[in-house]
Amino acid sequence: MVSIDVRGKICPYPVVVALEHLKKLSSGETLEIFTDEPLATRSVPEEAKRLGYDVSVEGVDNGWKIIIKKRGE
């Protein structure tokens, strides 16, 4: 699992960082993104789903955790 923390960063930074990391994921691997940017809880999942990843969003202290999993091939 890969974890990145983009708390304190505004959009589009969380989306750009997420897309960079998604390119490096192996099949079945998971990316966790910690953010406090409300717009990122919508824009990051939308982009990931568009690219075929499984996505969930959970509330955590000081923001949200976006969990993105690359589907098996």
Foldseek 3Di string as FASTA:
>chain_A
DAEDEPEPDEPPVVQVVLVVVVVVDDAFDKYKYFYLYPVCVPVNVVVLVVVPWDWDWDADPNHIIIMTTHHHD
